[in-house]
Amino acid sequence: MNKQERITIYGLIISLIIALFVNFVNAGCCTDFCFESFRAECPTDTYIQNQCKNLESCTLGCCIDEHGFQHNKFPQERCIINGGVFKSTCESLSVCKIN
């Protein structure tokens, strides 16, 4: 490998590292389903330049839907938008035993 080829390869490697770093720094939260992502991967108006775990709307808890079913580890805002009742934890359910 000659000197010019090595310079080209090193340049490509450095460019790749810079691109990965810039994307990592620009990662944020898609608030529609509270997942870490980049602006280009989120639907319009759902991207926030912050980690999901730092957003109140993405607080995970128990969502009780209109039928009374409990959904654990559900994002707070998504629960409320869907007409559910949000609580910090789900209540323990008794399990029926067949004798």
C-alpha atoms as a PDB file:
ATOM      1  CA  MET A   1       0.000   0.000   0.000  1.00  0.00           C
ATOM      2  CA  ASN A   2       1.495   3.317  -1.013  1.00  0.00           C
ATOM      3  CA  LYS A   3       1.488   6.547   0.970  1.00  0.00           C
ATOM      4  CA  GLN A   4      -1.466   8.079  -0.926  1.00  0.00           C
ATOM      5  CA  GLU A   5      -3.659   5.025  -0.323  1.00  0.00           C
ATOM      6  CA  ARG A   6      -2.849   5.072   3.405  1.00  0.00           C
ATOM      7  CA  ILE A   7      -3.713   8.778   3.639  1.00  0.00           C
ATOM      8  CA  THR A   8      -7.024   8.120   1.874  1.00  0.00           C
ATOM      9  CA  ILE A   9      -7.873   5.221   4.199  1.00  0.00           C
ATOM     10  CA  TYR A  10      -6.933   7.228   7.307  1.00  0.00           C
ATOM     11  CA  GLY A  11      -9.047  10.116   6.040  1.00  0.00           C
ATOM     12  CA  LEU A  12     -12.051   7.841   5.571  1.00  0.00           C
ATOM     13  CA  ILE A  13     -11.615   6.352   9.031  1.00  0.00           C
ATOM     14  CA  ILE A  14     -11.392   9.795  10.642  1.00  0.00           C
ATOM     15  CA  SER A  15     -14.468  10.967   8.714  1.00  0.00           C
ATOM     16  CA  LEU A  16     -16.405   7.924   9.886  1.00  0.00           C
ATOM     17  CA  ILE A  17     -15.403   8.489  13.511  1.00  0.00           C
ATOM     18  CA  ILE A  18     -16.446  12.154  13.312  1.00  0.00           C
ATOM     19  CA  ALA A  19     -19.791  11.234  11.716  1.00  0.00           C
ATOM     20  CA  LEU A  20     -20.508   8.646  14.416  1.00  0.00           C
ATOM     21  CA  PHE A  21     -19.597  11.119  17.162  1.00  0.00           C
ATOM     22  CA  VAL A  22     -21.828  13.851  15.712  1.00  0.00           C
ATOM     23  CA  ASN A  23     -24.761  11.417  15.447  1.00  0.00           C
ATOM     24  CA  PHE A  24     -24.211  10.204  19.019  1.00  0.00           C
ATOM     25  CA  VAL A  25     -24.143  13.749  20.353  1.00  0.00           C
ATOM     26  CA  ASN A  26     -27.313  14.646  18.425  1.00  0.00           C
ATOM     27  CA  ALA A  27     -29.310  11.659  19.674  1.00  0.00           C
ATOM     28  CA  GLY A  28     -32.503  12.559  21.468  1.00  0.00           C
ATOM     29  CA  CYS A  29     -35.929  11.178  22.281  1.00  0.00           C
ATOM     30  CA  CYS A  30     -38.847  10.332  20.011  1.00  0.00           C
ATOM     31  CA  THR A  31     -41.621  11.197  22.411  1.00  0.00           C
ATOM     32  CA  ASP A  32     -44.387   9.304  20.594  1.00  0.00           C
ATOM     33  CA  PHE A  33     -43.175   5.985  22.025  1.00  0.00           C
ATOM     34  CA  CYS A  34     -40.277   7.244  24.188  1.00  0.00           C
ATOM     35  CA  PHE A  35     -37.280   5.711  22.460  1.00  0.00           C
ATOM     36  CA  GLU A  36     -33.790   7.113  21.966  1.00  0.00           C
ATOM     37  CA  SER A  37     -33.208   8.035  18.351  1.00  0.00           C
ATOM     38  CA  PHE A  38     -32.111  10.713  15.907  1.00  0.00           C
ATOM     39  CA  ARG A  39     -34.239  13.532  14.497  1.00  0.00           C
ATOM     40  CA  ALA A  40     -34.392  11.938  11.028  1.00  0.00           C
ATOM     41  CA  GLU A  41     -35.834   8.708  12.467  1.00  0.00           C
ATOM     42  CA  CYS A  42     -38.716  10.338  14.374  1.00  0.00           C
ATOM     43  CA  PRO A  43     -42.126  11.314  13.028  1.00  0.00           C
ATOM     44  CA  THR A  44     -42.572  15.071  12.719  1.00  0.00           C
ATOM     45  CA  ASP A  45     -42.833  17.092  15.934  1.00  0.00           C
ATOM     46  CA  THR A  46     -42.011  14.162  18.227  1.00  0.00           C
ATOM     47  CA  TYR A  47     -38.247  14.668  18.564  1.00  0.00           C
ATOM     48  CA  ILE A  48     -36.735  16.340  21.647  1.00  0.00           C
ATOM     49  CA  GLN A  49     -32.994  16.896  22.080  1.00  0.00           C
ATOM     50  CA  ASN A  50     -32.933  15.145  25.462  1.00  0.00           C
ATOM     51  CA  GLN A  51     -32.763  11.629  26.826  1.00  0.00           C
ATOM     52  CA  CYS A  52     -36.150   9.981  27.243  1.00  0.00           C
ATOM     53  CA  LYS A  53     -35.410   9.094  30.870  1.00  0.00           C
ATOM     54  CA  ASN A  54     -35.210  12.838  31.645  1.00  0.00           C
ATOM     55  CA  LEU A  55     -38.689  13.644  30.298  1.00  0.00           C
ATOM     56  CA  GLU A  56     -41.767  13.539  32.515  1.00  0.00           C
ATOM     57  CA  SER A  57     -43.906  12.477  29.539  1.00  0.00           C
ATOM     58  CA  CYS A  58     -41.722   9.367  29.204  1.00  0.00           C
ATOM     59  CA  THR A  59     -41.945   8.352  32.859  1.00  0.00           C
ATOM     60  CA  LEU A  60     -42.728   4.651  32.915  1.00  0.00           C
ATOM     61  CA  GLY A  61     -45.475   3.304  35.096  1.00  0.00           C
ATOM     62  CA  CYS A  62     -48.806   1.531  35.045  1.00  0.00           C
ATOM     63  CA  CYS A  63     -51.468   2.427  32.507  1.00  0.00           C
ATOM     64  CA  ILE A  64     -54.990   1.255  33.267  1.00  0.00           C
ATOM     65  CA  ASP A  65     -56.931   1.192  30.000  1.00  0.00           C
ATOM     66  CA  GLU A  66     -60.650   1.718  29.469  1.00  0.00           C
ATOM     67  CA  HIS A  67     -61.317  -1.983  30.086  1.00  0.00           C
ATOM     68  CA  GLY A  68     -59.453  -2.016  33.394  1.00  0.00           C
ATOM     69  CA  PHE A  69     -56.413  -3.886  32.075  1.00  0.00           C
ATOM     70  CA  GLN A  70     -53.077  -2.867  33.589  1.00  0.00           C
ATOM     71  CA  HIS A  71     -50.089  -2.285  31.316  1.00  0.00           C
ATOM     72  CA  ASN A  72     -46.785  -2.154  33.180  1.00  0.00           C
ATOM     73  CA  LYS A  73     -43.789  -0.028  32.057  1.00  0.00           C
ATOM     74  CA  PHE A  74     -46.017   2.196  29.905  1.00  0.00           C
ATOM     75  CA  PRO A  75     -45.020   5.815  29.045  1.00  0.00           C
ATOM     76  CA  GLN A  76     -47.112   8.370  30.951  1.00  0.00           C
ATOM     77  CA  GLU A  77     -48.075  10.659  28.062  1.00  0.00           C
ATOM     78  CA  ARG A  78     -48.919   7.768  25.729  1.00  0.00           C
ATOM     79  CA  CYS A  79     -51.246   6.361  28.424  1.00  0.00           C
ATOM     80  CA  ILE A  80     -53.081   9.643  28.929  1.00  0.00           C
ATOM     81  CA  ILE A  81     -53.409  10.324  25.174  1.00  0.00           C
ATOM     82  CA  ASN A  82     -55.048   6.902  24.767  1.00  0.00           C
ATOM     83  CA  GLY A  83     -57.575   7.645  27.514  1.00  0.00           C
ATOM     84  CA  GLY A  84     -55.930   5.581  30.218  1.00  0.00           C
ATOM     85  CA  VAL A  85     -55.267   6.328  33.867  1.00  0.00           C
ATOM     86  CA  PHE A  86     -51.567   6.533  34.753  1.00  0.00           C
ATOM     87  CA  LYS A  87     -50.187   5.355  38.105  1.00  0.00           C
ATOM     88  CA  SER A  88     -46.610   4.926  39.264  1.00  0.00           C
ATOM     89  CA  THR A  89     -47.015   1.158  39.802  1.00  0.00           C
ATOM     90  CA  CYS A  90     -49.514  -1.533  38.932  1.00  0.00           C
ATOM     91  CA  GLU A  91     -51.511  -3.136  41.708  1.00  0.00           C
ATOM     92  CA  SER A  92     -50.819  -6.762  42.506  1.00  0.00           C
ATOM     93  CA  LEU A  93     -53.414  -9.043  41.035  1.00  0.00           C
ATOM     94  CA  SER A  94     -54.601 -12.103  42.842  1.00  0.00           C
ATOM     95  CA  VAL A  95     -54.221 -15.269  40.831  1.00  0.00           C
ATOM     96  CA  CYS A  96     -56.978 -17.829  40.883  1.00  0.00           C
ATOM     97  CA  LYS A  97     -55.857 -21.346  41.737  1.00  0.00           C
ATOM     98  CA  ILE A  98     -57.739 -24.385  40.590  1.00  0.00           C
ATOM     99  CA  ASN A  99     -57.865 -27.068  43.282  1.00  0.00           C
END
